[in-house]
Each structure stands twice: as structure tokens, then as C-alpha cells.
Amino acid sequence: MLRTLEIDSEIAPRASVILLHGLGASGHDFSDIAEQLGLPKELGVRFVFPHAPVRPVKCFDNAKVRAWFDLVSLEYHAKEDEAGMRKSEEMIAKLIAQELERGIPSEKIILAGFSQGGAMALQCGLRYPEKLAGILVLSAWLPLATTVIAERSATNQQTPILMLHGINDPVVPLKWATESCNFLKEIGYHAMISSYPMRHTVCPEEIAAIGVWLRELC
């Protein structure tokens, strides 16, 4: 079951950030980031931290962990779990629908994610039929790249995409993110990437950059 943990501002929310966690983590992992971003309360930003379903993951010897999709291995061109990604895409679309029902317009909703969650932010955001405010991709890559051109939504062709990555990331190498960003730019997206002296994690400088970016969007 998909659950959410929310942090509400003291005023009526006017924008939402849906932040998807990485493989084996949970929505609680990023629940303290809202305060670290230093966003003005008057922006009325709501943060939603969903939990991925628990499932067996092949690269973990089929151990059951929270994962947006299965991973055969951590190799770049390993076979992708398309069925799992499609199912999680549907779940994330339902999360967006919940925010719409709460009165947040789609153009004030940011899809964000770390690692697997970042991959899913791109998977869903590029195909979502209504205008989104932005797509934030942390230490991640573009999944199902061969289907993007045929499946992308023209509505989000101009949606800002910010990719942030660790220079020394041993799990998702910076090269994967760079190639993903370059491909997105080649097919007409407003994607940009910045790197930081870190591994597969987040750092204060990165969080500060996210705060600046969100203030511009919200």
C-alpha cells in the first residue's frame, strides 16, 4: 500500500513537492529536508513523502525491500523492469491526483526523487498529461530512454528539469546522469545538471541549490 508522510506549512498550501525515496529506503528518509531548504513559509509549499511498495529485488538476492521497481543488477545497460516502472508510474500519478483534489494546481506540483525515486520522477514527469512545475532528479538516471520520444507529453516539454549528482557516486555513476541529461536536451527538454564532491548521497550545497530552484518555481 502506498502511504504518505506530509509536512504542511502554517498557511494554506499553494504548491506541492512529491519526493520519492531511493531503493531500500522509505519516505521518512527525506522528511527533514523541508526545513533544511529554507523556503519562505508564505510560499505555502506542501511536501509529500510516499513509501514505495515492499518487493523482492534481484540485485539484493531477492530480499524484500521498498523499491519502485526491481533491479537485476547495478550495471548501466542491465535489463529494466518495465512492468514495475509502469506500475509505479500509475501510483505516482494517483499521488498527483490527490494533490489536485486538495486544490493544488498541476503547474504548482514538483516531482522529485533520489536514485530510483529520481528515475521514477523522470519516468512519470515526462509522460504526465498535465503541466507540472518541475522535475528534480537527485543521483539518478533516465529510465526506459528508448520509449521517451514516443510516449512523452507535449504539455511538459518545457518543464524545467534539474539533475544533481555526486562526482564520486559509486552506485549511479555521474556519467549515467550526464548522458541522460544530454539526451533530454537533444530532444528538446530544458534539462540542466550540476555535480558535487560527494558519493551516493546529498550534501548541504546541493540542498541549498534545491532551495533556490524551488523558490523560483513556487
Protein backbone atom coordinates (compact mmCIF):
# COMPACT_ATOMS: atom_id res chain seq x y z
CA MET A 1 0.00 0.00 0.00
CA LEU A 2 1.28 3.45 -0.88
CA ARG A 3 1.36 5.75 2.13
CA THR A 4 2.41 9.35 2.51
CA LEU A 5 4.05 11.48 5.16
CA GLU A 6 3.31 15.17 4.78
CA ILE A 7 4.73 18.36 6.21
CA ASP A 8 2.26 21.24 5.93
CA SER A 9 3.14 24.89 6.17
CA GLU A 10 1.28 27.14 8.59
CA ILE A 11 -0.70 28.71 5.75
CA ALA A 12 -2.90 27.08 3.14
CA PRO A 13 -0.68 25.06 0.74
CA ARG A 14 -0.32 26.51 -2.74
CA ALA A 15 2.36 24.18 -4.14
CA SER A 16 3.43 20.58 -3.59
CA VAL A 17 6.72 18.70 -3.80
CA ILE A 18 6.34 14.93 -4.14
CA LEU A 19 9.72 13.45 -3.17
CA LEU A 20 10.35 9.78 -3.99
CA HIS A 21 12.95 7.91 -1.94
CA GLY A 22 15.65 5.55 -3.16
CA LEU A 23 15.95 1.77 -3.21
CA GLY A 24 15.61 0.14 0.20
CA ALA A 25 14.79 3.41 1.95
CA SER A 26 11.41 4.91 2.88
CA GLY A 27 9.54 8.19 2.73
CA HIS A 28 10.89 9.05 6.17
CA ASP A 29 14.46 9.36 4.81
CA PHE A 30 13.84 12.83 3.38
CA SER A 31 11.18 14.03 5.81
CA ASP A 32 13.57 16.53 7.42
CA ILE A 33 14.59 18.18 4.16
CA ALA A 34 11.72 20.68 4.17
CA GLU A 35 13.22 22.74 6.98
CA GLN A 36 16.75 22.48 5.54
CA LEU A 37 15.65 24.05 2.26
CA GLY A 38 14.85 27.33 3.97
CA LEU A 39 11.76 28.04 1.89
CA PRO A 40 9.70 31.08 2.96
CA LYS A 41 6.54 29.91 4.71
CA GLU A 42 4.47 32.31 2.66
CA LEU A 43 5.12 30.15 -0.42
CA GLY A 44 2.80 27.56 1.13
CA VAL A 45 4.76 24.52 -0.08
CA ARG A 46 3.47 21.08 0.94
CA PHE A 47 5.93 18.16 0.95
CA VAL A 48 4.69 14.63 0.29
CA PHE A 49 6.98 11.67 1.03
CA PRO A 50 5.45 8.43 -0.28
CA HIS A 51 6.66 4.94 0.59
CA ALA A 52 7.40 2.58 -2.29
CA PRO A 53 5.87 -0.92 -2.10
CA VAL A 54 7.88 -3.73 -0.49
CA ARG A 55 9.03 -6.20 -3.13
CA PRO A 56 11.83 -8.72 -3.76
CA VAL A 57 14.79 -7.13 -5.56
CA LYS A 58 17.05 -9.37 -7.63
CA CYS A 59 20.29 -7.46 -7.06
CA PHE A 60 19.65 -7.86 -3.31
CA ASP A 61 19.35 -11.67 -3.66
CA ASN A 62 15.58 -11.26 -3.79
CA ALA A 63 15.44 -9.71 -0.34
CA LYS A 64 12.19 -7.79 0.16
CA VAL A 65 12.76 -4.04 0.45
CA ARG A 66 10.92 -0.88 -0.51
CA ALA A 67 11.52 -0.35 -4.22
CA TRP A 68 9.76 1.48 -7.04
CA PHE A 69 10.86 -1.30 -9.41
CA ASP A 70 13.04 -4.40 -9.49
CA LEU A 71 16.73 -4.24 -10.34
CA VAL A 72 18.50 -7.19 -11.92
CA SER A 73 21.90 -5.59 -11.31
CA LEU A 74 23.56 -2.20 -10.91
CA GLU A 75 25.02 -2.32 -14.41
CA TYR A 76 24.09 0.58 -16.70
CA HIS A 77 22.58 -1.48 -19.51
CA ALA A 78 21.02 -4.20 -17.37
CA LYS A 79 17.52 -5.32 -18.35
CA GLU A 80 14.99 -2.84 -16.97
CA ASP A 81 11.89 -3.80 -15.02
CA GLU A 82 9.49 -2.04 -17.37
CA ALA A 83 6.39 -3.59 -15.81
CA GLY A 84 7.45 -2.43 -12.35
CA MET A 85 8.20 1.06 -13.59
CA ARG A 86 4.84 1.32 -15.35
CA LYS A 87 3.01 0.22 -12.21
CA SER A 88 4.86 2.74 -10.04
CA GLU A 89 4.18 5.43 -12.65
CA GLU A 90 0.46 4.78 -12.16
CA MET A 91 0.87 5.01 -8.38
CA ILE A 92 2.70 8.33 -8.65
CA ALA A 93 0.03 9.69 -10.98
CA LYS A 94 -2.51 8.88 -8.25
CA LEU A 95 -0.40 10.88 -5.79
CA ILE A 96 -0.53 13.84 -8.15
CA ALA A 97 -4.29 13.38 -8.44
CA GLN A 98 -4.56 13.56 -4.64
CA GLU A 99 -2.76 16.91 -4.65
CA LEU A 100 -5.09 18.17 -7.38
CA GLU A 101 -8.07 17.15 -5.24
CA ARG A 102 -6.60 19.18 -2.38
CA GLY A 103 -6.67 22.25 -4.58
CA ILE A 104 -3.03 22.38 -5.73
CA PRO A 105 -2.90 23.13 -9.49
CA SER A 106 -0.73 20.76 -11.52
CA GLU A 107 1.55 23.63 -12.60
CA LYS A 108 2.45 24.05 -8.92
CA ILE A 109 3.43 20.41 -8.39
CA ILE A 110 7.09 19.36 -8.48
CA LEU A 111 8.06 15.71 -8.93
CA ALA A 112 11.34 14.93 -7.21
CA GLY A 113 13.29 11.83 -6.29
CA PHE A 114 16.57 10.31 -5.19
CA SER A 115 18.21 7.41 -7.07
CA GLN A 116 15.38 5.01 -8.01
CA GLY A 117 12.96 7.73 -6.97
CA GLY A 118 14.69 10.20 -9.28
CA ALA A 119 14.39 7.75 -12.15
CA MET A 120 10.67 7.47 -11.42
CA ALA A 121 10.29 11.27 -11.26
CA LEU A 122 11.53 11.35 -14.86
CA GLN A 123 9.51 8.30 -15.90
CA CYS A 124 6.27 9.83 -14.68
CA GLY A 125 7.01 13.53 -15.19
CA LEU A 126 7.94 13.30 -18.86
CA ARG A 127 4.75 11.39 -19.63
CA TYR A 128 2.29 13.16 -17.33
CA PRO A 129 -0.53 14.74 -19.40
CA GLU A 130 -0.94 17.94 -17.36
CA LYS A 131 1.59 20.74 -16.88
CA LEU A 132 3.96 20.26 -13.92
CA ALA A 133 6.11 22.92 -12.26
CA GLY A 134 9.35 20.98 -12.45
CA ILE A 135 11.18 17.66 -12.19
CA LEU A 136 14.02 17.28 -9.68
CA VAL A 137 16.38 14.33 -10.19
CA LEU A 138 18.91 13.51 -7.45
CA SER A 139 21.65 10.95 -8.09
CA ALA A 140 19.59 9.22 -10.77
CA TRP A 141 19.24 8.47 -14.47
CA LEU A 142 16.65 8.37 -17.25
CA PRO A 143 14.82 5.01 -17.33
CA LEU A 144 13.20 3.47 -20.42
CA ALA A 145 15.00 6.02 -22.57
CA THR A 146 14.05 4.30 -25.85
CA THR A 147 10.35 4.94 -25.21
CA VAL A 148 10.52 8.60 -24.16
CA ILE A 149 10.16 10.18 -27.60
CA ALA A 150 7.06 8.15 -28.45
CA GLU A 151 5.43 8.47 -25.02
CA ARG A 152 6.36 11.96 -23.83
CA SER A 153 3.71 14.55 -23.10
CA ALA A 154 3.98 17.72 -25.15
CA THR A 155 2.46 19.55 -22.18
CA ASN A 156 5.66 19.04 -20.17
CA GLN A 157 8.14 19.59 -22.98
CA GLN A 158 9.09 22.96 -21.46
CA THR A 159 9.03 21.82 -17.82
CA PRO A 160 12.34 22.60 -16.06
CA ILE A 161 14.40 19.51 -15.21
CA LEU A 162 17.17 19.84 -12.62
CA MET A 163 19.60 16.94 -12.19
CA LEU A 164 22.05 16.97 -9.26
CA HIS A 165 24.68 14.29 -8.78
CA GLY A 166 27.76 13.26 -6.84
CA ILE A 167 31.09 13.31 -8.67
CA ASN A 168 32.22 10.24 -6.72
CA ASP A 169 28.95 8.32 -6.82
CA PRO A 170 29.85 4.57 -6.87
CA VAL A 171 26.24 3.39 -7.23
CA VAL A 172 24.90 5.57 -10.05
CA PRO A 173 27.97 6.99 -11.81
CA LEU A 174 27.88 10.65 -12.82
CA LYS A 175 28.29 9.54 -16.44
CA TRP A 176 24.83 7.97 -16.41
CA ALA A 177 23.23 11.20 -15.29
CA THR A 178 25.27 13.30 -17.72
CA GLU A 179 24.31 11.09 -20.66
CA SER A 180 20.67 11.20 -19.56
CA CYS A 181 20.72 14.99 -19.29
CA ASN A 182 22.40 15.37 -22.69
CA PHE A 183 19.80 13.11 -24.29
CA LEU A 184 16.96 15.10 -22.77
CA LYS A 185 18.46 18.33 -24.09
CA GLU A 186 18.91 16.80 -27.52
CA ILE A 187 15.21 16.01 -27.74
CA GLY A 188 14.19 19.50 -26.65
CA TYR A 189 13.89 19.48 -22.86
CA HIS A 190 15.09 22.26 -20.58
CA ALA A 191 17.38 19.98 -18.56
CA MET A 192 20.46 21.01 -16.63
CA ILE A 193 22.90 19.12 -14.43
CA SER A 194 25.22 20.12 -11.59
CA SER A 195 27.66 17.88 -9.72
CA TYR A 196 29.05 17.96 -6.20
CA PRO A 197 32.07 16.39 -4.43
CA MET A 198 30.03 13.62 -2.81
CA ARG A 199 29.10 9.97 -3.22
CA HIS A 200 25.57 8.49 -3.49
CA THR A 201 24.03 10.92 -1.04
CA VAL A 202 23.08 14.57 -0.64
CA CYS A 203 25.18 17.45 0.66
CA PRO A 204 24.47 20.91 2.13
CA GLU A 205 25.50 22.71 -1.07
CA GLU A 206 23.08 20.57 -3.07
CA ILE A 207 20.24 21.23 -0.63
CA ALA A 208 20.91 24.97 -0.89
CA ALA A 209 20.71 24.75 -4.70
CA ILE A 210 17.41 22.86 -4.45
CA GLY A 211 16.03 25.59 -2.19
CA VAL A 212 16.92 28.30 -4.70
CA TRP A 213 15.38 26.31 -7.56
CA LEU A 214 12.15 25.65 -5.67
CA ARG A 215 11.77 29.30 -4.75
CA GLU A 216 11.94 30.17 -8.45
CA LEU A 217 9.26 27.59 -9.32
CA CYS A 218 6.86 28.15 -6.43
